[in-house]
Amino acid sequence: MPAGAGRHSLPQRSHLCWLLCALTLQLCRAEAPVRAEKLSVSTSNLPCWLVEEFVVAEECAPCSSFRAKTTPECGSTGYVEKITCSSSKRNEFKSCRSALMEQHLFWKFEGAVVGVALVFACLVIVRQRQLDRKALEKVRKQIESI
């Protein structure tokens, strides 16, 4: 293979990459106004805490079994807080993440990381022993052949 043979195909690939990037950018620009229209259609369907200021009436607490079945906000995290919107004076529920739940998730993550680290440490030790055995056998064969 000649020294400069691979260089001629590189610009063609580069042009193809730029073409795909430009096409993707055009598609994103075409979809952007549609999204803006969807957002400006109606804010009455949105919860009041998304469009106005609110005060927390009841702190974040776990959902009871009855509330979990009746309140859709309990579905995502299992915790809910009651809020009062300032302008409309409406009381609504908002899904929240409690400190206790975050702590449990943190320690689960830490446990998983430590477990994976232990597994890989064991794999490293096993592999190192295999390599040491191979090296010793190689040295023995060299000594025996002398």
N, C-alpha and C. Protein backbone atom coordinates (compact mmCIF):
# COMPACT_ATOMS: atom_id res chain seq x y z
N MET A 1 0.85 -1.19 0.00
CA MET A 1 0.00 0.00 0.00
C MET A 1 0.89 1.24 0.00
N PRO A 2 0.68 2.16 -0.93
CA PRO A 2 1.50 3.37 -0.99
C PRO A 2 1.31 4.23 0.26
N ALA A 3 2.29 5.10 0.51
CA ALA A 3 2.28 5.90 1.73
C ALA A 3 1.08 6.84 1.81
N GLY A 4 0.66 7.42 0.71
CA GLY A 4 -0.43 8.40 0.75
C GLY A 4 -1.77 7.85 0.29
N ALA A 5 -1.91 6.53 0.19
CA ALA A 5 -3.13 5.94 -0.38
C ALA A 5 -4.35 6.18 0.49
N GLY A 6 -4.21 6.13 1.79
CA GLY A 6 -5.37 6.29 2.67
C GLY A 6 -5.81 7.73 2.84
N ARG A 7 -5.01 8.66 2.42
CA ARG A 7 -5.32 10.07 2.65
C ARG A 7 -6.42 10.60 1.73
N HIS A 8 -6.59 10.00 0.57
CA HIS A 8 -7.59 10.51 -0.37
C HIS A 8 -9.01 10.23 0.11
N SER A 9 -9.23 9.17 0.88
CA SER A 9 -10.59 8.85 1.32
C SER A 9 -10.99 9.65 2.55
N LEU A 10 -10.04 10.21 3.26
CA LEU A 10 -10.34 10.96 4.47
C LEU A 10 -11.21 12.21 4.20
N PRO A 11 -10.89 13.05 3.21
CA PRO A 11 -11.76 14.21 2.97
C PRO A 11 -13.17 13.82 2.57
N GLN A 12 -13.34 12.71 1.82
CA GLN A 12 -14.68 12.29 1.44
C GLN A 12 -15.49 11.93 2.68
N ARG A 13 -14.87 11.21 3.62
CA ARG A 13 -15.55 10.88 4.86
C ARG A 13 -15.85 12.14 5.67
N SER A 14 -14.93 13.07 5.63
CA SER A 14 -15.13 14.33 6.35
C SER A 14 -16.32 15.09 5.77
N HIS A 15 -16.41 15.13 4.43
CA HIS A 15 -17.54 15.81 3.79
C HIS A 15 -18.85 15.13 4.15
N LEU A 16 -18.84 13.81 4.18
CA LEU A 16 -20.04 13.06 4.54
C LEU A 16 -20.46 13.38 5.97
N CYS A 17 -19.48 13.45 6.86
CA CYS A 17 -19.77 13.78 8.25
C CYS A 17 -20.38 15.18 8.36
N TRP A 18 -19.79 16.16 7.67
CA TRP A 18 -20.32 17.52 7.71
C TRP A 18 -21.72 17.58 7.11
N LEU A 19 -21.96 16.82 6.07
CA LEU A 19 -23.27 16.78 5.44
C LEU A 19 -24.32 16.23 6.41
N LEU A 20 -23.98 15.15 7.11
CA LEU A 20 -24.90 14.58 8.09
C LEU A 20 -25.16 15.55 9.25
N CYS A 21 -24.11 16.24 9.68
CA CYS A 21 -24.28 17.23 10.76
C CYS A 21 -25.20 18.37 10.32
N ALA A 22 -25.02 18.85 9.11
CA ALA A 22 -25.86 19.93 8.60
C ALA A 22 -27.31 19.49 8.46
N LEU A 23 -27.51 18.26 7.99
CA LEU A 23 -28.86 17.73 7.84
C LEU A 23 -29.54 17.60 9.20
N THR A 24 -28.81 17.10 10.19
CA THR A 24 -29.36 16.97 11.54
C THR A 24 -29.71 18.34 12.11
N LEU A 25 -28.85 19.32 11.90
CA LEU A 25 -29.11 20.67 12.38
C LEU A 25 -30.37 21.25 11.74
N GLN A 26 -30.55 21.02 10.44
CA GLN A 26 -31.74 21.51 9.75
C GLN A 26 -33.01 20.85 10.30
N LEU A 27 -32.93 19.55 10.59
CA LEU A 27 -34.09 18.86 11.15
C LEU A 27 -34.44 19.40 12.53
N CYS A 28 -33.41 19.69 13.33
CA CYS A 28 -33.67 20.25 14.67
C CYS A 28 -34.30 21.63 14.57
N ARG A 29 -33.85 22.43 13.64
CA ARG A 29 -34.43 23.76 13.46
C ARG A 29 -35.88 23.66 12.99
N ALA A 30 -36.19 22.67 12.16
CA ALA A 30 -37.54 22.51 11.65
C ALA A 30 -38.50 22.08 12.76
N GLU A 31 -38.01 21.32 13.75
CA GLU A 31 -38.87 20.86 14.83
C GLU A 31 -39.03 21.90 15.93
N ALA A 32 -38.10 22.83 16.05
CA ALA A 32 -38.12 23.79 17.15
C ALA A 32 -39.40 24.64 17.18
N PRO A 33 -39.88 25.22 16.06
CA PRO A 33 -41.10 26.02 16.14
C PRO A 33 -42.32 25.20 16.57
N VAL A 34 -42.35 23.93 16.19
CA VAL A 34 -43.48 23.08 16.59
C VAL A 34 -43.51 22.94 18.10
N ARG A 35 -42.35 22.74 18.70
CA ARG A 35 -42.29 22.63 20.15
C ARG A 35 -42.73 23.93 20.82
N ALA A 36 -42.31 25.06 20.27
CA ALA A 36 -42.70 26.35 20.84
C ALA A 36 -44.21 26.53 20.75
N GLU A 37 -44.80 26.11 19.63
CA GLU A 37 -46.25 26.22 19.49
C GLU A 37 -46.96 25.35 20.52
N LYS A 38 -46.44 24.15 20.74
CA LYS A 38 -47.06 23.26 21.71
C LYS A 38 -47.03 23.87 23.11
N LEU A 39 -45.94 24.55 23.44
CA LEU A 39 -45.83 25.15 24.76
C LEU A 39 -46.76 26.36 24.91
N SER A 40 -46.97 27.10 23.84
CA SER A 40 -47.78 28.31 23.95
C SER A 40 -49.27 28.04 23.76
N VAL A 41 -49.68 26.83 23.49
CA VAL A 41 -51.09 26.54 23.23
C VAL A 41 -51.93 26.79 24.47
N SER A 42 -51.57 26.14 25.57
CA SER A 42 -52.40 26.27 26.76
C SER A 42 -51.57 25.99 27.99
N THR A 43 -51.67 26.89 28.98
CA THR A 43 -51.00 26.65 30.26
C THR A 43 -52.00 26.24 31.33
N SER A 44 -53.27 26.14 30.95
CA SER A 44 -54.28 25.75 31.94
C SER A 44 -54.16 24.28 32.32
N ASN A 45 -53.57 23.45 31.44
CA ASN A 45 -53.40 22.04 31.74
C ASN A 45 -52.22 21.79 32.66
N LEU A 46 -51.32 22.75 32.74
CA LEU A 46 -50.12 22.58 33.56
C LEU A 46 -50.45 22.77 35.04
N PRO A 47 -49.72 22.09 35.91
CA PRO A 47 -49.91 22.35 37.35
C PRO A 47 -49.52 23.79 37.67
N CYS A 48 -50.16 24.36 38.66
CA CYS A 48 -49.92 25.78 38.95
C CYS A 48 -48.50 26.04 39.41
N TRP A 49 -47.83 25.05 40.01
CA TRP A 49 -46.47 25.28 40.50
C TRP A 49 -45.45 25.41 39.39
N LEU A 50 -45.82 25.06 38.15
CA LEU A 50 -44.91 25.25 37.02
C LEU A 50 -44.97 26.67 36.46
N VAL A 51 -46.09 27.35 36.64
CA VAL A 51 -46.26 28.66 36.00
C VAL A 51 -46.32 29.81 36.99
N GLU A 52 -46.40 29.53 38.28
CA GLU A 52 -46.45 30.61 39.27
C GLU A 52 -45.70 30.19 40.53
N GLU A 53 -45.50 31.14 41.41
CA GLU A 53 -44.78 30.85 42.64
C GLU A 53 -45.70 30.11 43.61
N PHE A 54 -45.09 29.34 44.50
CA PHE A 54 -45.88 28.53 45.43
C PHE A 54 -45.20 28.47 46.78
N VAL A 55 -46.00 28.07 47.79
CA VAL A 55 -45.52 27.88 49.14
C VAL A 55 -45.79 26.42 49.52
N VAL A 56 -44.85 25.79 50.18
CA VAL A 56 -45.02 24.40 50.60
C VAL A 56 -45.89 24.38 51.85
N ALA A 57 -47.07 23.77 51.75
CA ALA A 57 -47.99 23.69 52.88
C ALA A 57 -47.66 22.51 53.78
N GLU A 58 -47.33 21.36 53.19
CA GLU A 58 -46.92 20.18 53.94
C GLU A 58 -45.62 19.69 53.35
N GLU A 59 -44.66 19.39 54.22
CA GLU A 59 -43.34 18.93 53.77
C GLU A 59 -43.42 17.59 53.04
N CYS A 60 -42.36 17.25 52.38
CA CYS A 60 -42.26 16.00 51.64
C CYS A 60 -42.42 14.82 52.59
N ALA A 61 -43.37 13.94 52.27
CA ALA A 61 -43.66 12.79 53.12
C ALA A 61 -43.99 11.59 52.24
N PRO A 62 -43.78 10.37 52.76
CA PRO A 62 -44.13 9.19 51.95
C PRO A 62 -45.63 9.09 51.73
N CYS A 63 -46.00 8.57 50.59
CA CYS A 63 -47.43 8.42 50.26
C CYS A 63 -48.02 7.23 51.01
N SER A 64 -49.22 7.41 51.51
CA SER A 64 -49.93 6.28 52.11
C SER A 64 -50.42 5.37 50.98
N SER A 65 -50.86 4.18 51.32
CA SER A 65 -51.31 3.25 50.27
C SER A 65 -52.53 3.80 49.54
N PHE A 66 -53.43 4.49 50.27
CA PHE A 66 -54.60 5.08 49.63
C PHE A 66 -54.19 6.23 48.71
N ARG A 67 -53.31 7.10 49.21
CA ARG A 67 -52.88 8.25 48.40
C ARG A 67 -52.10 7.78 47.18
N ALA A 68 -51.33 6.71 47.31
CA ALA A 68 -50.56 6.20 46.17
C ALA A 68 -51.48 5.75 45.05
N LYS A 69 -52.68 5.25 45.40
CA LYS A 69 -53.63 4.80 44.39
C LYS A 69 -54.43 5.96 43.79
N THR A 70 -54.66 7.00 44.58
CA THR A 70 -55.53 8.08 44.13
C THR A 70 -54.79 9.29 43.58
N THR A 71 -53.54 9.49 43.99
CA THR A 71 -52.79 10.67 43.56
C THR A 71 -51.72 10.25 42.57
N PRO A 72 -51.80 10.73 41.32
CA PRO A 72 -50.80 10.32 40.32
C PRO A 72 -49.39 10.82 40.63
N GLU A 73 -49.25 11.88 41.40
CA GLU A 73 -47.94 12.42 41.74
C GLU A 73 -47.12 11.46 42.59
N CYS A 74 -47.79 10.54 43.28
CA CYS A 74 -47.08 9.57 44.13
C CYS A 74 -46.37 8.50 43.30
N GLY A 75 -46.76 8.34 42.07
CA GLY A 75 -46.25 7.25 41.26
C GLY A 75 -44.77 7.30 40.97
N SER A 76 -44.20 8.47 40.74
CA SER A 76 -42.80 8.53 40.30
C SER A 76 -41.81 8.31 41.43
N THR A 77 -42.02 8.90 42.60
CA THR A 77 -41.04 8.78 43.68
C THR A 77 -41.58 8.09 44.92
N GLY A 78 -42.90 8.07 45.09
CA GLY A 78 -43.48 7.51 46.31
C GLY A 78 -43.55 8.53 47.43
N TYR A 79 -43.15 9.76 47.14
CA TYR A 79 -43.21 10.86 48.11
C TYR A 79 -43.97 12.02 47.48
N VAL A 80 -44.65 12.79 48.31
CA VAL A 80 -45.44 13.90 47.81
C VAL A 80 -45.43 15.03 48.84
N GLU A 81 -45.55 16.26 48.34
CA GLU A 81 -45.69 17.40 49.23
C GLU A 81 -46.88 18.23 48.76
N LYS A 82 -47.57 18.86 49.72
CA LYS A 82 -48.73 19.68 49.40
C LYS A 82 -48.25 21.11 49.26
N ILE A 83 -48.66 21.76 48.18
CA ILE A 83 -48.25 23.14 47.93
C ILE A 83 -49.47 24.02 47.71
N THR A 84 -49.29 25.30 47.97
CA THR A 84 -50.32 26.29 47.70
C THR A 84 -49.74 27.32 46.75
N CYS A 85 -50.37 27.49 45.60
CA CYS A 85 -49.90 28.45 44.62
C CYS A 85 -50.30 29.86 45.04
N SER A 86 -49.40 30.81 44.83
CA SER A 86 -49.60 32.17 45.33
C SER A 86 -50.73 32.91 44.62
N SER A 87 -50.71 32.95 43.31
CA SER A 87 -51.68 33.74 42.55
C SER A 87 -53.08 33.13 42.55
N SER A 88 -53.17 31.84 42.24
CA SER A 88 -54.48 31.21 42.09
C SER A 88 -55.02 30.65 43.40
N LYS A 89 -54.20 30.59 44.44
CA LYS A 89 -54.60 30.06 45.76
C LYS A 89 -55.08 28.61 45.68
N ARG A 90 -54.58 27.88 44.69
CA ARG A 90 -54.95 26.46 44.57
C ARG A 90 -54.03 25.60 45.40
N ASN A 91 -54.59 24.55 45.98
CA ASN A 91 -53.80 23.55 46.70
C ASN A 91 -53.60 22.36 45.77
N GLU A 92 -52.35 21.97 45.59
CA GLU A 92 -52.03 20.84 44.73
C GLU A 92 -50.96 19.99 45.39
N PHE A 93 -50.79 18.78 44.85
CA PHE A 93 -49.73 17.91 45.31
C PHE A 93 -48.62 17.89 44.27
N LYS A 94 -47.40 17.80 44.76
CA LYS A 94 -46.23 17.80 43.89
C LYS A 94 -45.31 16.66 44.31
N SER A 95 -44.85 15.88 43.35
CA SER A 95 -43.93 14.80 43.64
C SER A 95 -42.61 15.39 44.12
N CYS A 96 -42.00 14.74 45.10
CA CYS A 96 -40.75 15.25 45.65
C CYS A 96 -39.83 14.09 45.99
N ARG A 97 -38.60 14.42 46.32
CA ARG A 97 -37.60 13.42 46.71
C ARG A 97 -37.19 13.74 48.13
N SER A 98 -37.39 12.79 49.03
CA SER A 98 -37.06 13.03 50.43
C SER A 98 -35.57 12.79 50.67
N ALA A 99 -35.06 13.39 51.74
CA ALA A 99 -33.66 13.21 52.10
C ALA A 99 -33.37 11.76 52.47
N LEU A 100 -34.32 11.11 53.12
CA LEU A 100 -34.14 9.71 53.50
C LEU A 100 -34.04 8.82 52.27
N MET A 101 -34.89 9.07 51.28
CA MET A 101 -34.85 8.29 50.05
C MET A 101 -33.53 8.52 49.32
N GLU A 102 -33.08 9.78 49.26
CA GLU A 102 -31.81 10.09 48.62
C GLU A 102 -30.66 9.40 49.33
N GLN A 103 -30.71 9.34 50.66
CA GLN A 103 -29.66 8.69 51.43
C GLN A 103 -29.62 7.19 51.12
N HIS A 104 -30.80 6.56 51.05
CA HIS A 104 -30.86 5.14 50.72
C HIS A 104 -30.31 4.88 49.32
N LEU A 105 -30.69 5.73 48.37
CA LEU A 105 -30.18 5.56 47.01
C LEU A 105 -28.67 5.75 46.95
N PHE A 106 -28.15 6.70 47.71
CA PHE A 106 -26.71 6.95 47.76
C PHE A 106 -25.97 5.72 48.28
N TRP A 107 -26.47 5.15 49.38
CA TRP A 107 -25.78 4.00 49.97
C TRP A 107 -25.92 2.75 49.10
N LYS A 108 -27.03 2.63 48.38
CA LYS A 108 -27.15 1.52 47.43
C LYS A 108 -26.12 1.66 46.32
N PHE A 109 -25.96 2.88 45.83
CA PHE A 109 -24.97 3.15 44.80
C PHE A 109 -23.56 2.87 45.32
N GLU A 110 -23.25 3.34 46.52
CA GLU A 110 -21.93 3.10 47.10
C GLU A 110 -21.68 1.61 47.27
N GLY A 111 -22.68 0.87 47.72
CA GLY A 111 -22.54 -0.58 47.87
C GLY A 111 -22.26 -1.25 46.54
N ALA A 112 -22.97 -0.81 45.50
CA ALA A 112 -22.76 -1.39 44.17
C ALA A 112 -21.34 -1.09 43.68
N VAL A 113 -20.86 0.12 43.91
CA VAL A 113 -19.51 0.50 43.48
C VAL A 113 -18.47 -0.34 44.22
N VAL A 114 -18.64 -0.50 45.53
CA VAL A 114 -17.69 -1.30 46.31
C VAL A 114 -17.74 -2.76 45.84
N GLY A 115 -18.94 -3.29 45.58
CA GLY A 115 -19.06 -4.66 45.09
C GLY A 115 -18.35 -4.85 43.77
N VAL A 116 -18.54 -3.93 42.84
CA VAL A 116 -17.87 -4.03 41.53
C VAL A 116 -16.36 -3.91 41.71
N ALA A 117 -15.92 -3.01 42.59
CA ALA A 117 -14.48 -2.86 42.84
C ALA A 117 -13.89 -4.15 43.41
N LEU A 118 -14.60 -4.82 44.32
CA LEU A 118 -14.11 -6.08 44.89
C LEU A 118 -14.01 -7.16 43.83
N VAL A 119 -15.02 -7.24 42.97
CA VAL A 119 -15.00 -8.25 41.90
C VAL A 119 -13.79 -8.03 41.00
N PHE A 120 -13.56 -6.79 40.59
CA PHE A 120 -12.44 -6.52 39.70
C PHE A 120 -11.10 -6.68 40.42
N ALA A 121 -11.04 -6.37 41.71
CA ALA A 121 -9.81 -6.60 42.46
C ALA A 121 -9.49 -8.09 42.50
N CYS A 122 -10.50 -8.92 42.71
CA CYS A 122 -10.29 -10.38 42.70
C CYS A 122 -9.82 -10.85 41.32
N LEU A 123 -10.42 -10.31 40.27
CA LEU A 123 -9.99 -10.67 38.92
C LEU A 123 -8.54 -10.28 38.67
N VAL A 124 -8.12 -9.14 39.16
CA VAL A 124 -6.74 -8.69 38.99
C VAL A 124 -5.80 -9.62 39.73
N ILE A 125 -6.17 -10.02 40.95
CA ILE A 125 -5.32 -10.92 41.73
C ILE A 125 -5.18 -12.28 41.04
N VAL A 126 -6.30 -12.82 40.55
CA VAL A 126 -6.26 -14.10 39.85
C VAL A 126 -5.40 -14.01 38.60
N ARG A 127 -5.57 -12.96 37.83
CA ARG A 127 -4.79 -12.79 36.60
C ARG A 127 -3.30 -12.62 36.91
N GLN A 128 -2.99 -11.88 37.96
CA GLN A 128 -1.59 -11.69 38.34
C GLN A 128 -0.95 -13.01 38.74
N ARG A 129 -1.68 -13.86 39.45
CA ARG A 129 -1.15 -15.18 39.83
C ARG A 129 -0.90 -16.04 38.59
N GLN A 130 -1.83 -15.98 37.62
CA GLN A 130 -1.63 -16.74 36.38
C GLN A 130 -0.36 -16.28 35.66
N LEU A 131 -0.19 -14.98 35.57
CA LEU A 131 0.99 -14.45 34.89
C LEU A 131 2.27 -14.80 35.65
N ASP A 132 2.23 -14.79 36.97
CA ASP A 132 3.40 -15.17 37.76
C ASP A 132 3.76 -16.63 37.52
N ARG A 133 2.75 -17.52 37.47
CA ARG A 133 3.00 -18.93 37.20
C ARG A 133 3.63 -19.13 35.82
N LYS A 134 3.11 -18.43 34.83
CA LYS A 134 3.67 -18.55 33.48
C LYS A 134 5.11 -18.08 33.44
N ALA A 135 5.38 -16.99 34.15
CA ALA A 135 6.75 -16.48 34.18
C ALA A 135 7.68 -17.47 34.87
N LEU A 136 7.25 -18.07 35.97
CA LEU A 136 8.07 -19.07 36.67
C LEU A 136 8.33 -20.29 35.80
N GLU A 137 7.31 -20.75 35.07
CA GLU A 137 7.48 -21.89 34.17
C GLU A 137 8.47 -21.56 33.06
N LYS A 138 8.41 -20.36 32.55
CA LYS A 138 9.32 -19.94 31.50
C LYS A 138 10.75 -19.94 32.01
N VAL A 139 10.96 -19.45 33.23
CA VAL A 139 12.29 -19.42 33.82
C VAL A 139 12.78 -20.84 34.06
N ARG A 140 11.92 -21.73 34.57
CA ARG A 140 12.29 -23.13 34.80
C ARG A 140 12.74 -23.81 33.50
N LYS A 141 11.96 -23.58 32.42
CA LYS A 141 12.31 -24.18 31.14
C LYS A 141 13.66 -23.68 30.63
N GLN A 142 13.95 -22.40 30.85
CA GLN A 142 15.23 -21.83 30.44
C GLN A 142 16.37 -22.45 31.25
N ILE A 143 16.14 -22.66 32.56
CA ILE A 143 17.18 -23.24 33.43
C ILE A 143 17.41 -24.70 33.04
N GLU A 144 16.31 -25.44 32.77
CA GLU A 144 16.43 -26.87 32.42
C GLU A 144 17.14 -27.05 31.09
N SER A 145 16.95 -26.13 30.17
CA SER A 145 17.56 -26.28 28.85
C SER A 145 19.06 -26.00 28.88
N ILE A 146 19.54 -25.40 29.93
CA ILE A 146 20.99 -25.08 30.00
C ILE A 146 21.78 -26.28 30.38
